Every structure is written in C-alpha cells, then in structure tokens.
C-alpha cells in the first residue's frame, strides 16, 4: 500500500494502522471558489443580479454566498478585482469551470430564465453522475455549470 511505503514506522504510525479513517482528511465541502475578474461591475451583474448570490462581505474582494445560509461556513464565490491594465485571460484557463447545483424541479425554469436573459446555453453529459447539465459563461469567460440529479 502506498501509505505504508511512504511513512516511517513510529509509535504513532503503528497506532494508526488499522484506523484507515484517521489517515484521511475529513473535508465537509468546498468553502470558496475564488475568481479573478477584470470588470467587477459586470461580474456582480452576473453573480448577484443574474444568479441571485448574496453579497456577504466587501470591500476589496467581494464574497458572495452560494446555497444554504444556515451552515457554519457558507459556500462562497469570491470575486477578486484585477488591476485595470491586466491582460485578458489566455487559453487554456487554469479554472476549467465551476458548477452550481440546482434542485431537479428548478432546472427547466432556470434554463428558460437564462435563455430569456440572452445567455447562450451549452449542454453536456456528466461522465460519472446521472444528471442534467447546462453551461453559460460569466463576463470574464469562466464557464459556469448548472447541474441537478437526473
């Protein structure tokens, strides 16, 4: 096993043997996706006005809440303003895309709403999860996926 080959046998590692759950970090979720933006006004129009994310902190970077506000550490999209003379992003981008989960009953309504707002929607099929997916681009060209269980 990889872990056994990489770790020295010490009293601690001997104690951990047979306790596989202690070898892994217990991550509960993703707390932030941080995006550099060229035009904060355009980014806020998309993330706040179009997607309805709530601003929970600023100035400087703008922190927007995603999802359930009752959690102890909210899921957030953070928009970081770039200096005005920053060049446009080159392809391929470091961030492939970000995905936001919708309830299955809301998928068709969101699709119609985005179309009515003039967004060019692309569709895909998730390679692992039975789901419905659609994609739009934010003002900086970041691909934003909307996904729900099938």
Foldseek 3Di string as FASTA:
>chain_A
DVVVVPDDDDVVVVVCVVVVVVVDDDDPDAQEDEDEDADVVQQCCCVCVLVNWDFDDDDAKTWTFADDPPDPRGRTYIYHYDPNPDDADDPPDPQQAEEHEDEPVCVVVSVVSCVVVPWDKDWDQDPPAQWGKIWTAGPSRHIYMYIYHD
